[in-house]
Amino acid sequence: MATRWGDLDGWELVETEVRPPSHGEVTIRVRASGVNPADRKHVLSPRPGVRLPVPIGYEISGLISAIGPDTEIASGGGAIGDAVLAFRVTGGYTTELTVPASDVFAKPAALDFPEAANLLLAGTTASEMLHVTDVSAGDTILVHGASGAVGVSVLQQARAQGIRVVGTASEARFDEVRRFGGEPIAYGPGLADRARAAAPDGYTAALDTVGTAEAVDVSLELVADRNRIVTIAASDRAAENGFIAIAGALPESASYRDRVRADLIRMAAEGELVVPMARTYPLAEALDALALLRDGHPGGKLALLSD
């Protein structure tokens, strides 16, 4: 957990008692914890209503180790030993956690534990980006950062809806964009011209997952309707230029993301939504995982393993 505001040097592993579940709760023996940029970013500086120490981690997968009386998980049923995933939780970097049963779902057999622990934060974010820009089959969209975790989920969800995606990436990641149905173009000088050449009839919407000035400026240049531009990383520019910014802490975003969890899990179970993994770390090496995510490009998702 974070014991002071700031970067990773303020984090500590601590031992705590796991509270037994009451009605409407389950305890999960954690097998894998998802690693996300938000885990670090949300404790860099004080936030209203949040007090130190702050438990870290929003999504997990594992086995039910206890279940409260007269309780079912969100996907129905639930028994000790069942394989599950949970999102959104507090304190997912742990070996065992008691959480609301309404946030717990049966793990799709198609996903292993590290994949399942990384499905929903990126997946629900991607789903909301498509939702707020009101895109549908036949539309063409521009996605900045198409080879990142959220971008890859956007690619897959858009493909399932019949939406064409042109996605920015480094040339080294072009094959990853193509793998999930996107058409890659390189970011950098001349991006607007390359984007126009890729879609001469124009773009219905622009989705920004990176927050760079280039991404925002090109989105504004190519999409006239600012209600069809959304960012998850440039909220200041959104306020300045009048387009949409979303974040999981916003009530409307949280409500939408909760509603689509079951749909995304179904897609994963049917093989329509996969989670590319880069590597796993032991839980004790959480700081190394976050440092890699902060300083480099892992090329896929990271997970912490508790067993």
Protein backbone atom coordinates (compact mmCIF):
# COMPACT_ATOMS: atom_id res chain seq x y z
CA MET A 1 0.00 0.00 0.00
CA ALA A 2 1.00 3.62 -0.44
CA THR A 3 2.04 5.05 2.92
CA ARG A 4 2.67 8.55 1.57
CA TRP A 5 1.77 10.53 -1.54
CA GLY A 6 4.29 10.31 -4.33
CA ASP A 7 5.95 7.72 -6.48
CA LEU A 8 6.84 4.11 -5.79
CA ASP A 9 9.31 4.75 -2.98
CA GLY A 10 6.31 5.43 -0.75
CA TRP A 11 4.88 1.90 -1.09
CA GLU A 12 5.17 -0.90 1.47
CA LEU A 13 4.10 -4.53 1.79
CA VAL A 14 2.24 -4.93 5.08
CA GLU A 15 0.47 -7.83 6.78
CA THR A 16 -3.17 -7.36 7.75
CA GLU A 17 -6.00 -9.57 8.95
CA VAL A 18 -8.48 -10.53 6.26
CA ARG A 19 -11.99 -9.70 7.39
CA PRO A 20 -14.43 -12.64 7.04
CA PRO A 21 -17.24 -12.02 4.57
CA SER A 22 -20.64 -10.92 5.76
CA HIS A 23 -23.89 -11.06 3.78
CA GLY A 24 -23.27 -9.82 0.24
CA GLU A 25 -19.51 -10.41 0.37
CA VAL A 26 -16.99 -13.06 -0.63
CA THR A 27 -13.35 -13.62 0.22
CA ILE A 28 -11.03 -14.42 -2.67
CA ARG A 29 -7.70 -16.21 -2.43
CA VAL A 30 -5.89 -14.09 -4.99
CA ARG A 31 -3.99 -15.88 -7.72
CA ALA A 32 -3.21 -12.82 -9.86
CA SER A 33 -3.50 -9.05 -9.53
CA GLY A 34 -3.83 -6.80 -12.55
CA VAL A 35 -1.25 -4.03 -12.97
CA ASN A 36 -2.49 -0.75 -14.41
CA PRO A 37 -1.12 2.79 -14.80
CA ALA A 38 -3.91 4.03 -12.52
CA ASP A 39 -2.47 2.00 -9.63
CA ARG A 40 0.47 4.38 -9.50
CA LYS A 41 -1.10 7.58 -10.81
CA HIS A 42 -3.86 7.64 -8.21
CA VAL A 43 -1.40 8.00 -5.31
CA LEU A 44 1.05 10.48 -6.84
CA SER A 45 -0.67 13.36 -5.03
CA PRO A 46 -3.48 13.81 -2.48
CA ARG A 47 -7.02 13.24 -3.74
CA PRO A 48 -10.27 14.43 -2.14
CA GLY A 49 -11.79 11.84 0.18
CA VAL A 50 -8.77 9.52 0.08
CA ARG A 51 -6.65 9.03 3.19
CA LEU A 52 -3.28 7.38 3.66
CA PRO A 53 -2.35 4.58 3.70
CA VAL A 54 -3.97 3.67 0.37
CA PRO A 55 -4.33 -0.01 -0.60
CA ILE A 56 -3.25 -0.54 -4.22
CA GLY A 57 -4.88 -2.52 -7.04
CA TYR A 58 -8.28 -2.47 -8.76
CA GLU A 59 -8.68 -5.93 -10.29
CA ILE A 60 -7.90 -9.51 -9.28
CA SER A 61 -8.57 -13.11 -10.11
CA GLY A 62 -8.46 -16.16 -7.87
CA LEU A 63 -10.51 -18.72 -5.98
CA ILE A 64 -13.38 -18.12 -3.57
CA SER A 65 -12.12 -19.04 -0.09
CA ALA A 66 -15.20 -17.93 1.87
CA ILE A 67 -18.67 -16.65 1.05
CA GLY A 68 -21.09 -14.70 3.18
CA PRO A 69 -24.46 -16.12 4.22
CA ASP A 70 -27.23 -16.06 1.60
CA THR A 71 -24.83 -14.56 -0.94
CA GLU A 72 -24.44 -15.00 -4.69
CA ILE A 73 -21.76 -13.49 -6.89
CA ALA A 74 -22.71 -11.13 -9.72
CA SER A 75 -22.76 -13.87 -12.35
CA GLY A 76 -24.91 -16.14 -10.14
CA GLY A 77 -24.12 -18.90 -7.67
CA GLY A 78 -20.70 -19.03 -6.14
CA ALA A 79 -19.06 -21.63 -3.93
CA ILE A 80 -15.76 -22.13 -2.16
CA GLY A 81 -13.11 -23.10 -4.69
CA ASP A 82 -14.78 -21.43 -7.68
CA ALA A 83 -12.47 -19.54 -10.02
CA VAL A 84 -13.50 -15.87 -10.23
CA LEU A 85 -12.38 -12.39 -11.18
CA ALA A 86 -13.30 -9.15 -9.44
CA PHE A 87 -13.43 -5.51 -10.51
CA ARG A 88 -13.56 -2.80 -9.20
CA VAL A 89 -11.89 -3.65 -5.87
CA THR A 90 -9.69 -1.78 -3.42
CA GLY A 91 -6.35 -3.29 -2.44
CA GLY A 92 -5.94 -5.93 -5.13
CA TYR A 93 -2.18 -6.26 -4.56
CA THR A 94 -2.65 -8.92 -1.91
CA THR A 95 -2.90 -12.64 -1.24
CA GLU A 96 -6.50 -12.62 0.00
CA LEU A 97 -9.26 -10.03 -0.09
CA THR A 98 -12.88 -9.69 1.03
CA VAL A 99 -14.97 -7.81 -1.54
CA PRO A 100 -18.61 -7.12 -2.43
CA ALA A 101 -20.12 -10.12 -4.21
CA SER A 102 -21.66 -7.72 -6.72
CA ASP A 103 -18.14 -7.11 -8.10
CA VAL A 104 -17.27 -10.81 -8.49
CA PHE A 105 -17.84 -12.87 -11.64
CA ALA A 106 -17.07 -16.43 -12.70
CA LYS A 107 -13.73 -16.53 -14.52
CA PRO A 108 -14.06 -17.47 -18.20
CA ALA A 109 -12.25 -20.73 -18.90
CA ALA A 110 -10.75 -19.07 -21.98
CA LEU A 111 -8.63 -16.80 -19.75
CA ASP A 112 -5.93 -17.89 -17.32
CA PHE A 113 -5.63 -16.09 -13.99
CA PRO A 114 -3.19 -13.34 -15.10
CA GLU A 115 -5.32 -12.59 -18.17
CA ALA A 116 -8.54 -12.55 -16.16
CA ALA A 117 -6.98 -10.15 -13.64
CA ASN A 118 -6.32 -7.70 -16.47
CA LEU A 119 -9.57 -7.90 -18.43
CA LEU A 120 -11.91 -5.33 -16.98
CA LEU A 121 -10.15 -2.08 -16.17
CA ALA A 122 -8.85 -1.68 -19.72
CA GLY A 123 -11.92 -3.37 -21.19
CA THR A 124 -14.52 -1.20 -19.50
CA THR A 125 -12.51 1.94 -20.30
CA ALA A 126 -12.39 0.97 -23.97
CA SER A 127 -16.09 0.20 -24.00
CA GLU A 128 -16.94 3.59 -22.53
CA MET A 129 -14.80 5.38 -25.13
CA LEU A 130 -16.82 3.74 -27.90
CA HIS A 131 -20.06 4.42 -26.04
CA VAL A 132 -19.60 8.14 -25.41
CA THR A 133 -18.58 8.83 -29.01
CA ASP A 134 -21.74 7.02 -30.19
CA VAL A 135 -20.04 5.00 -32.92
CA SER A 136 -21.63 2.05 -34.70
CA ALA A 137 -21.20 -0.39 -37.57
CA GLY A 138 -19.81 1.24 -40.69
CA ASP A 139 -18.11 4.12 -38.88
CA THR A 140 -14.38 4.81 -39.17
CA ILE A 141 -12.56 5.96 -36.04
CA LEU A 142 -9.05 7.14 -35.23
CA VAL A 143 -7.51 5.60 -32.10
CA HIS A 144 -4.38 7.15 -30.63
CA GLY A 145 -2.26 4.54 -28.85
CA ALA A 146 -3.89 1.55 -30.53
CA SER A 147 -1.26 -0.95 -29.37
CA GLY A 148 -1.61 -0.13 -25.66
CA ALA A 149 -3.84 -2.02 -23.25
CA VAL A 150 -6.92 0.18 -23.72
CA GLY A 151 -6.23 0.57 -27.43
CA VAL A 152 -6.06 -3.18 -28.00
CA SER A 153 -9.37 -3.62 -26.23
CA VAL A 154 -10.89 -0.84 -28.35
CA LEU A 155 -9.67 -2.63 -31.49
CA GLN A 156 -11.33 -5.89 -30.49
CA GLN A 157 -14.59 -4.36 -29.34
CA ALA A 158 -14.80 -2.17 -32.43
CA ARG A 159 -14.17 -5.16 -34.69
CA ALA A 160 -17.01 -7.04 -33.01
CA GLN A 161 -19.31 -4.07 -33.74
CA GLY A 162 -18.26 -3.66 -37.38
CA ILE A 163 -16.37 -0.41 -36.79
CA ARG A 164 -13.25 0.34 -38.85
CA VAL A 165 -10.25 1.49 -36.80
CA VAL A 166 -7.17 3.38 -37.94
CA GLY A 167 -4.77 3.28 -35.02
CA THR A 168 -1.55 5.10 -34.20
CA ALA A 169 1.43 3.12 -32.95
CA SER A 170 5.18 2.83 -33.31
CA GLU A 171 6.20 0.86 -36.38
CA ALA A 172 7.50 -1.89 -34.09
CA ARG A 173 3.90 -2.41 -32.89
CA PHE A 174 2.15 -2.37 -36.28
CA ASP A 175 1.66 -6.15 -36.29
CA GLU A 176 -0.07 -5.95 -32.91
CA VAL A 177 -2.54 -3.41 -34.28
CA ARG A 178 -3.18 -5.58 -37.34
CA ARG A 179 -3.58 -8.68 -35.17
CA PHE A 180 -6.66 -7.17 -33.57
CA GLY A 181 -8.23 -5.77 -36.72
CA GLY A 182 -6.83 -2.25 -36.85
CA GLU A 183 -5.00 -0.44 -39.63
CA PRO A 184 -1.78 1.03 -38.21
CA ILE A 185 -0.23 4.39 -38.95
CA ALA A 186 2.86 5.85 -37.29
CA TYR A 187 2.55 8.69 -34.83
CA GLY A 188 4.94 11.62 -35.12
CA PRO A 189 5.35 14.56 -37.53
CA GLY A 190 2.89 14.38 -40.43
CA LEU A 191 0.33 12.30 -38.51
CA ALA A 192 -2.67 14.30 -39.72
CA ASP A 193 -1.68 13.78 -43.35
CA ARG A 194 -1.14 10.04 -42.85
CA ALA A 195 -4.49 9.77 -41.09
CA ARG A 196 -6.25 11.56 -43.96
CA ALA A 197 -4.61 9.27 -46.49
CA ALA A 198 -5.76 6.21 -44.55
CA ALA A 199 -9.39 7.41 -44.46
CA PRO A 200 -10.09 9.88 -47.30
CA ASP A 201 -13.80 9.97 -46.41
CA GLY A 202 -12.96 11.16 -42.91
CA TYR A 203 -13.44 9.95 -39.34
CA THR A 204 -16.61 9.67 -37.31
CA ALA A 205 -14.73 9.92 -34.01
CA ALA A 206 -11.29 10.11 -32.41
CA LEU A 207 -10.34 8.19 -29.27
CA ASP A 208 -7.23 9.32 -27.37
CA THR A 209 -5.57 6.90 -24.96
CA VAL A 210 -2.18 8.67 -24.77
CA GLY A 211 -2.85 12.33 -23.97
CA THR A 212 -0.10 13.86 -26.08
CA ALA A 213 -0.47 17.29 -27.65
CA GLU A 214 -0.13 15.63 -31.04
CA ALA A 215 -3.00 13.23 -30.37
CA VAL A 216 -5.31 16.00 -29.20
CA ASP A 217 -4.38 18.43 -31.97
CA VAL A 218 -4.85 15.85 -34.72
CA SER A 219 -8.18 14.74 -33.24
CA LEU A 220 -9.43 18.33 -33.25
CA GLU A 221 -8.21 18.82 -36.81
CA LEU A 222 -9.85 15.70 -38.21
CA VAL A 223 -13.13 15.46 -36.25
CA ALA A 224 -15.34 18.54 -36.34
CA ASP A 225 -17.90 17.36 -33.78
CA ARG A 226 -16.22 17.64 -30.40
CA ASN A 227 -18.82 15.34 -28.88
CA ARG A 228 -17.17 12.60 -30.97
CA ILE A 229 -13.70 13.15 -29.46
CA VAL A 230 -12.82 11.49 -26.16
CA THR A 231 -9.68 11.25 -24.05
CA ILE A 232 -8.64 9.28 -20.99
CA ALA A 233 -5.33 11.11 -20.59
CA ALA A 234 -5.74 14.80 -21.42
CA SER A 235 -8.53 16.11 -19.21
CA ASP A 236 -7.05 19.63 -19.15
CA ARG A 237 -7.15 19.84 -22.93
CA ALA A 238 -10.70 18.46 -22.94
CA ALA A 239 -11.84 21.23 -20.62
CA GLU A 240 -9.97 23.83 -22.66
CA ASN A 241 -11.17 22.68 -26.08
CA GLY A 242 -14.63 21.38 -25.28
CA PHE A 243 -14.40 17.65 -25.95
CA ILE A 244 -15.08 14.64 -23.72
CA ALA A 245 -12.86 13.34 -20.94
CA ILE A 246 -13.77 10.21 -19.02
CA ALA A 247 -12.31 8.61 -15.89
CA GLY A 248 -13.29 5.72 -13.68
CA ALA A 249 -13.66 8.01 -10.67
CA LEU A 250 -16.43 10.00 -12.36
CA PRO A 251 -19.91 8.78 -11.32
CA GLU A 252 -21.21 8.42 -14.89
CA SER A 253 -18.09 6.54 -15.96
CA ALA A 254 -18.20 4.25 -12.94
CA SER A 255 -21.88 3.44 -13.50
CA TYR A 256 -21.37 2.65 -17.18
CA ARG A 257 -18.29 0.52 -16.55
CA ASP A 258 -20.10 -1.51 -13.91
CA ARG A 259 -22.94 -2.19 -16.34
CA VAL A 260 -20.74 -3.58 -19.11
CA ARG A 261 -18.60 -5.95 -17.05
CA ALA A 262 -20.77 -8.99 -17.73
CA ASP A 263 -20.84 -8.29 -21.48
CA LEU A 264 -17.06 -8.09 -21.66
CA ILE A 265 -16.66 -11.31 -19.69
CA ARG A 266 -19.06 -13.00 -22.12
CA MET A 267 -16.96 -11.73 -25.04
CA ALA A 268 -13.84 -13.15 -23.42
CA ALA A 269 -15.55 -16.49 -22.81
CA GLU A 270 -16.48 -16.65 -26.50
CA GLY A 271 -12.97 -15.78 -27.67
CA GLU A 272 -13.89 -12.32 -28.98
CA LEU A 273 -11.82 -10.45 -26.39
CA VAL A 274 -8.32 -11.53 -25.40
CA VAL A 275 -5.78 -9.98 -23.06
CA PRO A 276 -2.23 -9.92 -24.47
CA MET A 277 0.22 -10.50 -21.63
CA ALA A 278 3.84 -9.31 -21.51
CA ARG A 279 5.05 -10.90 -18.27
CA THR A 280 4.24 -11.73 -14.67
CA TYR A 281 5.97 -10.89 -11.40
CA PRO A 282 5.77 -12.28 -7.88
CA LEU A 283 3.66 -10.07 -5.64
CA ALA A 284 6.79 -9.11 -3.69
CA GLU A 285 8.18 -7.53 -6.88
CA ALA A 286 5.22 -5.20 -7.45
CA LEU A 287 7.47 -2.15 -7.50
CA ASP A 288 9.51 -3.62 -10.35
CA ALA A 289 6.32 -4.22 -12.37
CA LEU A 290 5.11 -0.65 -11.83
CA ALA A 291 8.55 0.75 -12.68
CA LEU A 292 8.48 -1.12 -16.01
CA LEU A 293 5.00 0.20 -16.73
CA ARG A 294 6.10 3.75 -15.83
CA ASP A 295 9.40 3.82 -17.68
CA GLY A 296 8.94 1.54 -20.69
CA HIS A 297 6.58 -0.16 -23.09
CA PRO A 298 5.97 -3.69 -21.81
CA GLY A 299 4.25 -4.81 -25.01
CA GLY A 300 1.30 -6.27 -23.14
CA LYS A 301 -0.26 -6.49 -19.72
CA LEU A 302 1.56 -7.26 -16.45
CA ALA A 303 0.27 -9.29 -13.54
CA LEU A 304 1.39 -9.99 -9.99
CA LEU A 305 1.21 -13.62 -8.89
CA SER A 306 0.38 -14.49 -5.30
CA ASP A 307 1.05 -18.24 -5.56
